[in-house]
């Protein structure tokens, strides 16, 4: 299972890098989204492996029972999802404003507008 997830992570990173090297702003944004999904999957796999676990609820003495899921990995992935959503919304707003100003989504045409 971990090998399959490693292949999926590599595919997400490879597709993200390919899309981010294209000249279109839309492909750049899609590459950023793929990259964020790849990072989330990487955090998930590196955190505790792929196994089932009980909810991380402590008992009366404050000790977690054996075989619980790691709550740190869950918190990191939730934080990464929120950050990637905010970054995607910000980049979409920038791309929309740049498209209004220049009239194209080609990055080479946008580079010639440095004088504006």
Protein backbone atom coordinates (compact mmCIF):
# COMPACT_ATOMS: atom_id res chain seq x y z
CA UNK A 1 0.00 0.00 0.00
CA UNK A 2 2.83 2.37 0.81
CA UNK A 3 4.42 1.67 -2.58
CA UNK A 4 1.17 2.58 -4.32
CA UNK A 5 0.96 5.81 -2.33
CA UNK A 6 4.60 6.59 -3.15
CA UNK A 7 3.82 6.21 -6.86
CA UNK A 8 0.78 8.47 -6.46
CA UNK A 9 2.86 11.10 -4.64
CA UNK A 10 5.53 10.98 -7.34
CA UNK A 11 2.89 11.32 -10.05
CA UNK A 12 1.32 14.31 -8.31
CA UNK A 13 4.69 16.03 -7.88
CA UNK A 14 5.71 15.26 -11.47
CA UNK A 15 2.42 16.52 -12.90
CA UNK A 16 2.61 19.62 -10.72
CA UNK A 17 6.13 20.49 -11.85
CA UNK A 18 5.17 19.90 -15.49
CA UNK A 19 2.13 22.16 -15.22
CA UNK A 20 3.99 24.89 -13.34
CA UNK A 21 6.62 25.07 -16.11
CA UNK A 22 3.98 25.82 -18.77
CA UNK A 23 3.34 29.38 -19.98
CA UNK A 24 -0.33 29.62 -19.04
CA UNK A 25 -1.43 31.06 -15.71
CA UNK A 26 -4.30 28.56 -15.52
CA UNK A 27 -1.86 25.66 -15.81
CA UNK A 28 0.31 27.28 -13.15
CA UNK A 29 -2.65 27.39 -10.77
CA UNK A 30 -3.55 23.77 -11.52
CA UNK A 31 0.07 22.82 -10.85
CA UNK A 32 -0.06 24.56 -7.48
CA UNK A 33 -3.24 22.67 -6.59
CA UNK A 34 -1.65 19.34 -7.59
CA UNK A 35 1.45 20.20 -5.57
CA UNK A 36 -0.61 20.92 -2.47
CA UNK A 37 -2.43 17.60 -2.84
CA UNK A 38 0.90 15.82 -3.20
CA UNK A 39 2.25 17.47 -0.06
CA UNK A 40 -0.87 16.50 1.90
CA UNK A 41 -0.48 12.88 0.82
CA UNK A 42 3.23 12.97 1.64
CA UNK A 43 2.54 14.25 5.17
CA UNK A 44 -0.07 11.52 5.61
CA UNK A 45 2.26 8.72 4.53
CA UNK A 46 5.30 9.97 6.45
CA UNK A 47 3.40 10.65 9.64
CA UNK A 48 2.30 7.30 10.91
CA UNK A 49 2.18 5.03 7.92
CA UNK A 50 -1.02 3.59 6.57
CA UNK A 51 -2.74 1.73 9.37
CA UNK A 52 -5.98 1.81 11.29
CA UNK A 53 -6.02 3.29 14.74
CA UNK A 54 -8.40 4.27 17.47
CA UNK A 55 -9.34 7.94 17.96
CA UNK A 56 -6.70 9.81 19.99
CA UNK A 57 -8.74 10.17 23.18
CA UNK A 58 -6.86 9.99 26.50
CA UNK A 59 -8.09 8.15 29.56
CA UNK A 60 -8.53 9.46 33.13
CA UNK A 61 -4.78 9.40 33.84
CA UNK A 62 -4.02 11.40 30.68
CA UNK A 63 -2.42 8.47 28.86
CA UNK A 64 -3.52 7.50 25.36
CA UNK A 65 -4.56 3.87 24.85
CA UNK A 66 -2.26 1.71 22.70
CA UNK A 67 -2.82 1.69 18.95
CA UNK A 68 -4.20 5.21 18.57
CA UNK A 69 -3.90 7.34 15.48
CA UNK A 70 -1.37 10.16 15.61
CA UNK A 71 -3.27 13.45 16.06
CA UNK A 72 -0.28 15.56 15.00
CA UNK A 73 -0.42 14.26 11.44
CA UNK A 74 -4.15 14.96 11.27
CA UNK A 75 -3.62 18.51 12.52
CA UNK A 76 -0.80 19.14 10.04
CA UNK A 77 -2.86 17.90 7.10
CA UNK A 78 -5.87 20.02 8.12
CA UNK A 79 -3.62 23.06 8.43
CA UNK A 80 -2.05 22.34 5.04
CA UNK A 81 -5.51 22.05 3.45
CA UNK A 82 -6.56 25.43 4.83
CA UNK A 83 -3.30 27.09 3.74
CA UNK A 84 -3.50 25.62 0.24
CA UNK A 85 -7.12 26.76 -0.08
CA UNK A 86 -6.16 30.30 0.92
CA UNK A 87 -3.17 30.30 -1.44
CA UNK A 88 -5.33 29.04 -4.30
CA UNK A 89 -7.95 31.73 -3.69
CA UNK A 90 -5.24 34.42 -3.59
CA UNK A 91 -3.58 33.19 -6.79
CA UNK A 92 -6.96 33.00 -8.54
CA UNK A 93 -7.66 36.62 -7.58
CA UNK A 94 -4.23 37.68 -8.87
CA UNK A 95 -4.73 35.79 -12.13
CA UNK A 96 -8.17 37.34 -12.62
CA UNK A 97 -6.79 40.85 -12.06
CA UNK A 98 -3.81 40.19 -14.35
CA UNK A 99 -6.15 38.89 -17.05
CA UNK A 100 -8.22 42.07 -16.77
CA UNK A 101 -5.14 44.28 -17.03
CA UNK A 102 -3.32 42.46 -19.83
CA UNK A 103 -6.08 40.58 -21.62
CA UNK A 104 -4.24 37.26 -21.84
CA UNK A 105 -3.08 34.46 -19.60
CA UNK A 106 0.26 33.91 -21.37
CA UNK A 107 3.16 34.61 -19.03
CA UNK A 108 5.40 35.85 -21.86
CA UNK A 109 2.87 38.54 -22.75
CA UNK A 110 2.60 39.54 -19.09
CA UNK A 111 6.38 39.98 -18.83
CA UNK A 112 6.25 42.74 -21.44
CA UNK A 113 3.92 44.81 -19.23
CA UNK A 114 6.54 45.62 -16.58
CA UNK A 115 6.43 49.27 -17.66
CA UNK A 116 2.72 49.66 -16.81
